[in-house]
Amino acid sequence: MATYGNRRGDASRSNESGFAKLDKNKDGYISKAEAKSEPELSKNFSKWDLNNDGKINRAEYLAAMAK
């Protein structure tokens, strides 16, 4: 899940857009089923699901992308 852009603002917008694309049902979370479309996310799902609720919220996704 590469993020492209030469400025931090560009990367932030790209990450927001990436989250929106992955959140297919627009419930504010990325489920395991939704994550399957992105191999890196699917592979790291449990690691990036910081509160272990079985879904990745926007803050968890943005934190993972910031690393």
Protein backbone atom coordinates (compact mmCIF):
# COMPACT_ATOMS: atom_id res chain seq x y z
CA MET A 1 0.00 0.00 0.00
CA ALA A 2 2.38 2.59 -1.24
CA THR A 3 1.65 6.23 -0.67
CA TYR A 4 2.92 8.68 -3.23
CA GLY A 5 3.44 12.40 -2.88
CA ASN A 6 6.33 14.64 -2.14
CA ARG A 7 4.76 16.50 0.76
CA ARG A 8 3.22 15.26 3.98
CA GLY A 9 -0.14 16.77 3.02
CA ASP A 10 -0.10 14.82 -0.24
CA ALA A 11 0.58 11.58 1.62
CA SER A 12 -2.17 12.31 4.14
CA ARG A 13 -4.72 12.93 1.39
CA SER A 14 -3.58 9.80 -0.40
CA ASN A 15 -3.99 7.73 2.79
CA GLU A 16 -7.47 9.16 3.39
CA SER A 17 -8.39 8.29 -0.17
CA GLY A 18 -6.92 4.80 0.25
CA PHE A 19 -9.01 4.22 3.36
CA ALA A 20 -12.16 5.39 1.58
CA LYS A 21 -11.52 3.03 -1.35
CA LEU A 22 -10.96 0.05 0.94
CA ASP A 23 -14.03 0.79 3.09
CA LYS A 24 -16.41 -0.57 0.43
CA ASN A 25 -19.59 -0.39 2.54
CA LYS A 26 -18.70 3.05 3.94
CA ASP A 27 -19.25 2.07 7.57
CA GLY A 28 -16.01 3.72 8.74
CA TYR A 29 -14.10 0.46 9.10
CA ILE A 30 -12.12 -1.92 6.93
CA SER A 31 -13.26 -5.48 7.56
CA LYS A 32 -11.17 -8.58 6.93
CA ALA A 33 -13.26 -9.21 3.81
CA GLU A 34 -12.62 -5.68 2.53
CA ALA A 35 -8.90 -6.01 3.33
CA LYS A 36 -8.57 -9.02 1.03
CA SER A 37 -8.35 -6.68 -1.97
CA GLU A 38 -5.02 -5.31 -0.66
CA PRO A 39 -2.38 -8.01 0.00
CA GLU A 40 -0.24 -5.97 2.43
CA LEU A 41 -3.25 -4.96 4.49
CA SER A 42 -4.61 -8.48 4.52
CA LYS A 43 -1.23 -9.86 5.63
CA ASN A 44 -0.86 -7.30 8.45
CA PHE A 45 -4.51 -7.05 9.44
CA SER A 46 -4.12 -8.40 12.99
CA LYS A 47 -1.04 -6.24 13.61
CA TRP A 48 -2.77 -3.06 12.42
CA ASP A 49 -6.05 -3.80 14.24
CA LEU A 50 -4.69 -2.18 17.40
CA ASN A 51 -7.81 -2.61 19.55
CA ASN A 52 -8.42 -6.18 18.33
CA ASP A 53 -12.04 -5.58 17.39
CA GLY A 54 -11.78 -7.43 14.09
CA LYS A 55 -11.84 -4.32 11.93
CA ILE A 56 -9.51 -1.44 11.12
CA ASN A 57 -10.78 2.05 11.78
CA ARG A 58 -9.50 5.21 10.10
CA ALA A 59 -7.07 6.06 12.93
CA GLU A 60 -5.56 2.55 12.90
CA TYR A 61 -5.18 2.67 9.11
CA LEU A 62 -3.56 6.11 9.15
CA ALA A 63 -1.19 5.05 11.95
CA ALA A 64 -0.12 2.01 9.95
CA MET A 65 0.43 4.09 6.82
CA ALA A 66 2.52 6.64 8.76
CA LYS A 67 5.12 3.99 9.64
